[in-house]
Amino acid sequence: MTATNIPLTYLGGLTAEEFLRDYWQKKPLLVRNAFADMAYLVEKEDLLSLAQEDSAESRIILEKDGKKPWEVRKGAFTSKQYKQLPKTHWTLLVQAVDHYLPELAAFWQNFSFIPSWRRDDVMISYAAPQGSVGKHFDQYDVFLVQGSGQRRWQLGEFCGKDSAFVEDTKLRILQDMPVTFDEVVNAGDLLYVPPKLAHYGVAQNECLTFSFGFRAPALSHALEHIVDTALEETGAEALYQDIDLQAQKNGSWLNPKHLQQLQQQVLALLNTPELLATALAPFLSEAKYEDYEPMGEKVTPDELQQALAEGAVLCRDPASRFVYVGEQGHAQRLYVNGEEICIDEGVDGAFVALLADNTQLTATNLTTYLNHSLNVQWLCEQIKTGYWLVLVD
């Protein structure tokens, strides 16, 4: 977990609190050499290979001349298709690379001061020289970390529904973007871009870019889950009440006071902490891909203890989402991938919270809790399900 009041080098010396106060969803931030150890974690060949897998979500964007200058191709791709690509002006994008690479997923811990249910995935792009995806804006927050090579980033202004887009393309390419920021980033540099801020990145040479994206759940979907849960819990029993009804002259007139009273009763039905947690925890913990099923392995308590003692790392499944309800740092209920996971009686809620809060843990972090057999047995059950992995060098 990231301390919220300690200066962080990868945020340019800002604390997490300062970053959230001054930059988050407000303005961009460029930090040089923020993540030097990430820059070469993935190579071009690794990404090209992953994009050949049917399980990986990938696409290629080509910028061409002519009346239709942009083309989008969806993966999986073949070696033959790669060989047919031009030498310049194309980009390969692969989603959720962190799902396949626990070492990459571990970097999420640097952003643990942001609720983990806001995380989407780590997309990695490989761009040939002059490759880009055009002038555009996103609906989500993104931390862009430069891998190998260099990219020139230009930023514009915040966009909205009136922004004009290039016609005859599936991509939302802006027709125009007044430039307010113009910098070339190098390996390890970090650029934070808030939602709806226009940006345009062009590869100066062959380069890789890591995009840590933070999703913003649709409020309409959240409301749907809240209403569904309220209806399940109250059924048809909750009815409108107007015990203080007063006579009115025109019976068909919709009295604003009655509307306000109806609104208040509906909101009172929805606005209870217990109902909100019951409704939203499964929704906010849903996996990125709804058909995803983790693959676990059977391990005994003794085997787990021995593996950790010998230096194994306990890794939270990178493709799963974890949310717990209770006190901060103490779980009373745990949800993973939209389902409530039973916390057996006697299992320490602080232990469950520690597991859910951290992408990777070692014996040093876990010693206190692993002295209790119920904690170890419960963890072995979750490893069997696939929610946690034991990584051995």
Protein backbone atom coordinates (compact mmCIF):
# COMPACT_ATOMS: atom_id res chain seq x y z
CA MET A 1 0.00 0.00 0.00
CA THR A 2 1.14 3.53 -0.78
CA ALA A 3 1.47 6.03 2.07
CA THR A 4 -0.69 9.03 1.23
CA ASN A 5 1.46 11.74 2.84
CA ILE A 6 4.99 10.75 1.76
CA PRO A 7 6.59 12.37 -1.34
CA LEU A 8 6.69 9.90 -4.22
CA THR A 9 9.49 10.14 -6.78
CA TYR A 10 7.31 8.70 -9.55
CA LEU A 11 4.86 11.56 -8.96
CA GLY A 12 7.62 14.13 -9.17
CA GLY A 13 7.95 14.49 -5.40
CA LEU A 14 4.23 14.98 -4.84
CA THR A 15 2.43 13.03 -2.14
CA ALA A 16 -0.58 10.97 -3.15
CA GLU A 17 -2.80 13.50 -1.41
CA GLU A 18 -1.22 16.41 -3.32
CA PHE A 19 -1.54 14.61 -6.64
CA LEU A 20 -5.21 13.84 -6.09
CA ARG A 21 -5.91 17.38 -4.90
CA ASP A 22 -4.06 19.26 -7.65
CA TYR A 23 -3.91 16.95 -10.70
CA TRP A 24 -6.38 14.05 -10.63
CA GLN A 25 -9.04 14.75 -13.30
CA LYS A 26 -7.84 18.37 -13.42
CA LYS A 27 -4.55 18.71 -15.32
CA PRO A 28 -1.70 16.62 -16.76
CA LEU A 29 1.56 15.76 -15.06
CA LEU A 30 4.90 14.83 -16.66
CA VAL A 31 7.55 13.12 -14.53
CA ARG A 32 10.91 12.26 -16.05
CA ASN A 33 12.44 8.84 -15.31
CA ALA A 34 9.56 7.90 -13.01
CA PHE A 35 9.68 4.15 -13.74
CA ALA A 36 13.11 3.26 -15.12
CA ASP A 37 12.65 -0.37 -14.01
CA MET A 38 9.48 -0.75 -16.11
CA ALA A 39 10.87 0.55 -19.38
CA TYR A 40 12.22 -2.76 -20.69
CA LEU A 41 9.91 -5.16 -18.85
CA VAL A 42 8.19 -6.03 -22.14
CA GLU A 43 9.93 -6.15 -25.52
CA LYS A 44 8.48 -5.70 -28.99
CA GLU A 45 8.67 -9.44 -29.73
CA ASP A 46 6.75 -10.24 -26.55
CA LEU A 47 3.88 -7.99 -27.58
CA LEU A 48 3.77 -9.22 -31.18
CA SER A 49 3.66 -12.78 -29.91
CA LEU A 50 0.85 -12.09 -27.42
CA ALA A 51 -1.23 -10.42 -30.14
CA GLN A 52 -1.14 -13.72 -32.04
CA GLU A 53 -3.13 -15.41 -29.27
CA ASP A 54 -6.91 -15.67 -29.64
CA SER A 55 -7.33 -14.94 -25.93
CA ALA A 56 -5.66 -11.53 -26.20
CA GLU A 57 -7.64 -8.45 -27.24
CA SER A 58 -5.58 -6.61 -29.84
CA ARG A 59 -5.86 -4.26 -32.80
CA ILE A 60 -3.65 -2.49 -35.31
CA ILE A 61 -4.23 1.11 -36.33
CA LEU A 62 -2.74 2.31 -39.60
CA GLU A 63 -2.47 5.90 -40.75
CA LYS A 64 -2.61 6.18 -44.53
CA ASP A 65 -2.97 8.79 -47.24
CA GLY A 66 -6.16 9.33 -49.17
CA LYS A 67 -9.80 10.01 -48.42
CA LYS A 68 -9.86 7.40 -45.64
CA PRO A 69 -6.56 7.91 -43.81
CA TRP A 70 -7.28 5.60 -40.87
CA GLU A 71 -7.74 1.83 -40.83
CA VAL A 72 -8.40 -0.48 -37.86
CA ARG A 73 -7.61 -4.20 -37.93
CA LYS A 74 -8.58 -6.58 -35.12
CA GLY A 75 -6.45 -9.48 -33.91
CA ALA A 76 -5.46 -12.19 -33.49
CA PHE A 77 -2.66 -11.60 -36.01
CA THR A 78 -0.26 -13.87 -37.86
CA SER A 79 3.42 -13.53 -38.68
CA LYS A 80 2.45 -13.13 -42.33
CA GLN A 81 0.22 -10.16 -41.50
CA TYR A 82 3.04 -8.50 -39.58
CA LYS A 83 5.39 -8.87 -42.57
CA GLN A 84 2.85 -7.13 -44.80
CA LEU A 85 2.72 -4.00 -42.66
CA PRO A 86 4.49 -0.82 -43.82
CA LYS A 87 7.72 0.34 -42.20
CA THR A 88 6.09 3.42 -40.64
CA HIS A 89 2.78 4.91 -39.46
CA TRP A 90 1.16 1.96 -37.68
CA THR A 91 0.52 0.96 -34.08
CA LEU A 92 -0.28 -2.35 -32.38
CA LEU A 93 -2.37 -2.13 -29.20
CA VAL A 94 -2.81 -5.07 -26.82
CA GLN A 95 -5.22 -4.82 -23.91
CA ALA A 96 -4.85 -6.29 -20.43
CA VAL A 97 -1.21 -7.32 -20.72
CA ASP A 98 -1.06 -7.20 -16.92
CA HIS A 99 -3.43 -10.20 -16.89
CA TYR A 100 -0.68 -12.29 -18.49
CA LEU A 101 2.34 -10.83 -16.70
CA PRO A 102 2.30 -10.72 -12.87
CA GLU A 103 5.55 -8.70 -12.89
CA LEU A 104 3.70 -5.95 -14.76
CA ALA A 105 0.58 -6.24 -12.60
CA ALA A 106 2.79 -5.60 -9.56
CA PHE A 107 3.27 -2.01 -10.75
CA TRP A 108 -0.38 -1.29 -9.92
CA GLN A 109 0.77 -1.13 -6.30
CA ASN A 110 2.30 2.27 -7.07
CA PHE A 111 -1.24 3.57 -7.56
CA SER A 112 -2.82 1.86 -4.57
CA PHE A 113 -3.94 5.24 -3.23
CA ILE A 114 -6.63 5.10 -5.94
CA PRO A 115 -9.45 2.58 -5.28
CA SER A 116 -8.57 -0.68 -6.99
CA TRP A 117 -12.09 -1.05 -8.42
CA ARG A 118 -11.26 1.97 -10.62
CA ARG A 119 -8.50 0.00 -12.37
CA ASP A 120 -9.20 -1.15 -15.90
CA ASP A 121 -6.06 -2.71 -17.34
CA VAL A 122 -2.55 -2.09 -18.62
CA MET A 123 -2.62 -1.69 -22.38
CA ILE A 124 0.72 -1.75 -24.18
CA SER A 125 1.23 -0.26 -27.61
CA TYR A 126 4.05 -0.89 -30.02
CA ALA A 127 4.45 1.82 -32.64
CA ALA A 128 6.56 1.83 -35.76
CA PRO A 129 8.26 5.17 -36.50
CA GLN A 130 5.61 7.91 -36.88
CA GLY A 131 2.95 5.52 -35.59
CA SER A 132 0.03 7.00 -33.63
CA VAL A 133 -3.68 6.55 -32.95
CA GLY A 134 -4.49 10.13 -33.91
CA LYS A 135 -5.63 13.18 -31.99
CA HIS A 136 -8.22 11.97 -29.52
CA PHE A 137 -9.47 12.02 -25.95
CA ASP A 138 -10.44 9.26 -23.53
CA GLN A 139 -13.24 9.03 -20.99
CA TYR A 140 -10.90 7.70 -18.31
CA ASP A 141 -7.74 8.63 -16.40
CA VAL A 142 -4.53 7.18 -17.76
CA PHE A 143 -0.90 7.02 -16.65
CA LEU A 144 1.30 6.65 -19.73
CA VAL A 145 4.73 5.15 -19.02
CA GLN A 146 7.21 5.16 -21.86
CA GLY A 147 8.94 1.86 -22.54
CA SER A 148 11.72 1.58 -25.09
CA GLY A 149 12.07 4.30 -27.70
CA GLN A 150 10.70 7.83 -27.73
CA ARG A 151 7.28 9.35 -28.28
CA ARG A 152 6.29 12.95 -28.84
CA TRP A 153 3.22 13.90 -26.84
CA GLN A 154 1.09 16.90 -27.62
CA LEU A 155 -1.81 17.83 -25.35
CA GLY A 156 -4.72 20.09 -26.12
CA GLU A 157 -7.82 21.27 -24.33
CA PHE A 158 -10.63 19.44 -22.55
CA CYS A 159 -13.21 18.12 -25.02
CA GLY A 160 -16.92 17.53 -24.87
CA LYS A 161 -19.99 16.57 -26.87
CA ASP A 162 -19.43 19.46 -29.28
CA SER A 163 -15.96 18.26 -30.34
CA ALA A 164 -15.66 17.64 -34.09
CA PHE A 165 -14.36 14.28 -35.33
CA VAL A 166 -12.87 13.07 -38.59
CA GLU A 167 -15.58 11.46 -40.72
CA ASP A 168 -15.66 8.00 -42.30
CA THR A 169 -13.62 6.20 -39.63
CA LYS A 170 -14.45 3.94 -36.70
CA LEU A 171 -11.94 5.87 -34.62
CA ARG A 172 -12.90 9.04 -32.78
CA ILE A 173 -10.14 11.19 -34.28
CA LEU A 174 -10.40 14.90 -33.53
CA GLN A 175 -10.45 17.22 -36.51
CA ASP A 176 -8.42 19.83 -34.68
CA MET A 177 -6.43 20.10 -31.45
CA PRO A 178 -4.91 23.40 -30.26
CA VAL A 179 -1.57 22.42 -28.68
CA THR A 180 -0.94 23.47 -25.06
CA PHE A 181 1.85 20.96 -24.29
CA ASP A 182 4.57 19.54 -26.53
CA GLU A 183 7.23 17.18 -25.13
CA VAL A 184 9.23 14.13 -26.22
CA VAL A 185 9.26 11.39 -23.58
CA ASN A 186 12.01 8.82 -23.07
CA ALA A 187 12.17 5.38 -21.50
CA GLY A 188 10.78 5.46 -17.95
CA ASP A 189 9.01 8.82 -18.25
CA LEU A 190 5.46 9.11 -16.89
CA LEU A 191 2.66 11.26 -18.31
CA TYR A 192 -0.68 11.47 -16.52
CA VAL A 193 -3.59 12.50 -18.76
CA PRO A 194 -6.98 13.27 -17.18
CA PRO A 195 -10.30 12.29 -18.79
CA LYS A 196 -11.48 14.21 -21.87
CA LEU A 197 -8.15 15.99 -22.35
CA ALA A 198 -7.15 15.88 -26.02
CA HIS A 199 -3.81 14.20 -26.62
CA TYR A 200 -1.72 13.05 -29.55
CA GLY A 201 1.29 10.74 -29.31
CA VAL A 202 3.60 10.12 -32.27
CA ALA A 203 6.45 7.59 -32.18
CA GLN A 204 9.78 9.22 -32.96
CA ASN A 205 11.24 5.77 -33.57
CA GLU A 206 10.18 2.23 -32.71
CA CYS A 207 8.69 2.48 -29.24
CA LEU A 208 6.56 0.83 -26.58
CA THR A 209 4.12 2.66 -24.29
CA PHE A 210 2.45 1.26 -21.15
CA SER A 211 -1.03 2.69 -20.46
CA PHE A 212 -2.36 2.23 -16.93
CA GLY A 213 -6.04 2.97 -17.47
CA PHE A 214 -8.58 3.74 -14.76
CA ARG A 215 -12.19 3.03 -15.67
CA ALA A 216 -15.19 5.11 -14.63
CA PRO A 217 -18.27 2.91 -14.12
CA ALA A 218 -21.42 4.30 -15.71
CA LEU A 219 -23.72 5.84 -13.11
CA SER A 220 -26.71 4.39 -14.96
CA HIS A 221 -25.32 0.89 -14.39
CA ALA A 222 -24.70 1.62 -10.72
CA LEU A 223 -28.25 2.92 -10.33
CA GLU A 224 -29.61 -0.19 -12.02
CA HIS A 225 -27.83 -2.43 -9.50
CA ILE A 226 -29.01 -0.32 -6.57
CA VAL A 227 -32.63 -0.38 -7.72
CA ASP A 228 -32.55 -4.12 -8.43
CA THR A 229 -31.17 -4.82 -4.97
CA ALA A 230 -33.73 -2.54 -3.31
CA LEU A 231 -36.56 -4.33 -5.11
CA GLU A 232 -35.19 -7.74 -4.10
CA GLU A 233 -35.01 -6.73 -0.44
CA THR A 234 -38.31 -4.85 -0.17
CA GLY A 235 -40.41 -6.55 -2.84
CA ALA A 236 -43.81 -4.88 -3.18
CA GLU A 237 -44.04 -4.04 0.51
CA ALA A 238 -42.64 -0.52 0.28
CA LEU A 239 -45.49 1.77 -0.75
CA TYR A 240 -45.80 5.53 -1.06
CA GLN A 241 -47.20 7.19 2.07
CA ASP A 242 -48.81 10.62 2.40
CA ILE A 243 -50.17 10.70 5.95
CA ASP A 244 -50.08 14.53 5.92
CA LEU A 245 -51.94 14.86 2.60
CA GLN A 246 -53.75 18.17 2.19
CA ALA A 247 -56.73 18.90 -0.03
CA GLN A 248 -56.10 20.49 -3.42
CA LYS A 249 -58.53 22.20 -5.79
CA ASN A 250 -57.44 20.49 -9.02
CA GLY A 251 -57.22 16.73 -8.69
CA SER A 252 -55.22 16.11 -11.90
CA TRP A 253 -52.54 18.64 -11.01
CA LEU A 254 -49.20 17.04 -10.23
CA ASN A 255 -48.25 18.89 -7.09
CA PRO A 256 -44.48 19.60 -6.83
CA LYS A 257 -44.68 18.95 -3.09
CA HIS A 258 -45.99 15.45 -3.78
CA LEU A 259 -43.19 14.84 -6.28
CA GLN A 260 -40.65 15.93 -3.70
CA GLN A 261 -42.22 13.66 -1.10
CA LEU A 262 -42.16 10.72 -3.52
CA GLN A 263 -38.54 11.45 -4.36
CA GLN A 264 -37.57 11.56 -0.70
CA GLN A 265 -39.22 8.22 0.01
CA VAL A 266 -37.54 6.56 -2.99
CA LEU A 267 -34.13 7.96 -2.01
CA ALA A 268 -34.65 6.85 1.59
CA LEU A 269 -35.32 3.35 0.27
CA LEU A 270 -32.07 3.38 -1.71
CA ASN A 271 -29.82 5.36 0.56
CA THR A 272 -28.81 2.90 3.26
CA PRO A 273 -25.15 1.92 3.68
CA GLU A 274 -25.93 -1.79 3.91
CA LEU A 275 -28.02 -1.78 0.74
CA LEU A 276 -25.46 0.26 -1.16
CA ALA A 277 -22.66 -2.13 -0.22
CA THR A 278 -24.76 -5.19 -1.09
CA ALA A 279 -25.71 -3.69 -4.44
CA LEU A 280 -22.45 -2.11 -5.53
CA ALA A 281 -19.75 -4.44 -4.21
CA PRO A 282 -20.58 -7.22 -6.71
CA PHE A 283 -20.92 -4.66 -9.52
CA LEU A 284 -17.63 -2.91 -8.77
CA SER A 285 -15.75 -6.20 -8.46
CA GLU A 286 -16.85 -7.60 -11.82
CA ALA A 287 -13.94 -8.82 -13.92
CA LYS A 288 -12.97 -6.90 -17.06
CA TYR A 289 -13.96 -9.88 -19.19
CA GLU A 290 -17.26 -11.38 -18.02
CA ASP A 291 -16.42 -14.90 -19.21
CA TYR A 292 -13.13 -14.96 -17.30
CA GLU A 293 -12.56 -17.93 -14.99
CA PRO A 294 -9.32 -18.12 -12.99
CA MET A 295 -7.33 -21.34 -12.95
CA GLY A 296 -6.18 -22.48 -9.54
CA GLU A 297 -3.90 -25.14 -8.16
CA LYS A 298 -4.21 -27.42 -5.18
CA VAL A 299 -1.82 -26.71 -2.34
CA THR A 300 -1.77 -27.95 1.25
CA PRO A 301 -1.13 -25.66 4.22
CA ASP A 302 2.28 -27.29 4.77
CA GLU A 303 3.24 -26.89 1.11
CA LEU A 304 2.19 -23.24 1.16
CA GLN A 305 4.12 -22.50 4.33
CA GLN A 306 7.23 -24.18 2.94
CA ALA A 307 7.02 -22.40 -0.42
CA LEU A 308 6.71 -18.99 1.24
CA ALA A 309 9.56 -19.79 3.63
CA GLU A 310 11.74 -20.61 0.61
CA GLY A 311 11.03 -17.25 -1.01
CA ALA A 312 7.88 -17.79 -3.03
CA VAL A 313 5.67 -14.77 -3.73
CA LEU A 314 1.92 -14.78 -3.14
CA CYS A 315 0.36 -12.96 -6.09
CA ARG A 316 -3.21 -11.76 -6.39
CA ASP A 317 -4.72 -13.05 -9.65
CA PRO A 318 -4.00 -10.17 -12.07
CA ALA A 319 -7.21 -10.65 -14.06
CA SER A 320 -9.54 -10.67 -11.04
CA ARG A 321 -11.04 -7.69 -9.21
CA PHE A 322 -11.23 -7.60 -5.42
CA VAL A 323 -13.48 -5.46 -3.21
CA TYR A 324 -14.15 -5.85 0.49
CA VAL A 325 -16.75 -4.37 2.80
CA GLY A 326 -16.08 -3.50 6.43
CA GLU A 327 -13.61 -1.19 8.06
CA GLN A 328 -10.61 0.11 6.15
CA GLY A 329 -7.96 -2.58 6.54
CA HIS A 330 -10.43 -5.13 7.96
CA ALA A 331 -12.74 -7.14 5.70
CA GLN A 332 -16.13 -8.35 6.84
CA ARG A 333 -17.26 -9.40 3.37
CA LEU A 334 -15.11 -10.11 0.31
CA TYR A 335 -16.18 -9.92 -3.34
CA VAL A 336 -14.16 -11.23 -6.27
CA ASN A 337 -15.26 -11.03 -9.90
CA GLY A 338 -18.81 -10.14 -8.95
CA GLU A 339 -19.27 -12.94 -6.40
CA GLU A 340 -19.21 -12.86 -2.61
CA ILE A 341 -16.48 -15.12 -1.22
CA CYS A 342 -17.24 -16.75 2.08
CA ILE A 343 -14.88 -15.69 4.87
CA ASP A 344 -14.90 -18.66 7.21
CA GLU A 345 -15.54 -18.08 10.89
CA GLY A 346 -12.25 -17.49 12.69
CA VAL A 347 -10.43 -16.10 9.64
CA ASP A 348 -8.88 -12.74 10.46
CA GLY A 349 -10.55 -9.87 8.57
CA ALA A 350 -7.28 -7.93 8.62
CA PHE A 351 -5.61 -10.88 6.88
CA VAL A 352 -8.28 -10.91 4.16
CA ALA A 353 -7.93 -7.14 3.67
CA LEU A 354 -4.15 -7.47 3.39
CA LEU A 355 -4.52 -10.11 0.69
CA ALA A 356 -7.08 -8.05 -1.23
CA ASP A 357 -5.15 -4.78 -0.97
CA ASN A 358 -1.79 -6.01 -2.27
CA THR A 359 -0.81 -7.33 -5.68
CA GLN A 360 2.10 -9.34 -4.25
CA LEU A 361 3.10 -10.46 -0.76
CA THR A 362 5.97 -12.44 0.76
CA ALA A 363 6.42 -14.43 3.97
CA THR A 364 7.68 -11.25 5.66
CA ASN A 365 4.29 -9.58 5.13
CA LEU A 366 2.29 -12.65 6.09
CA THR A 367 4.13 -14.20 9.05
CA THR A 368 1.80 -12.85 11.73
CA TYR A 369 -1.29 -14.26 10.04
CA LEU A 370 0.16 -17.57 8.87
CA ASN A 371 0.66 -18.63 12.48
CA HIS A 372 -3.10 -19.24 12.60
CA SER A 373 -4.22 -22.45 10.92
CA LEU A 374 -7.68 -21.14 9.95
CA ASN A 375 -6.10 -18.29 7.95
CA VAL A 376 -3.77 -20.68 6.12
CA GLN A 377 -6.51 -23.19 5.37
CA TRP A 378 -8.79 -20.46 3.99
CA LEU A 379 -6.00 -19.08 1.82
CA CYS A 380 -5.29 -22.55 0.41
CA GLU A 381 -8.95 -22.78 -0.63
CA GLN A 382 -8.68 -19.44 -2.47
CA ILE A 383 -5.47 -20.54 -4.20
CA LYS A 384 -7.30 -23.66 -5.35
CA THR A 385 -10.01 -21.41 -6.81
CA GLY A 386 -7.36 -19.30 -8.56
CA TYR A 387 -7.84 -15.98 -6.80
CA TRP A 388 -4.25 -16.06 -5.53
CA LEU A 389 -1.17 -17.59 -7.15
CA VAL A 390 2.04 -18.91 -5.62
CA LEU A 391 4.98 -17.76 -7.74
CA VAL A 392 8.22 -19.69 -7.29
CA ASP A 393 11.48 -18.54 -8.90
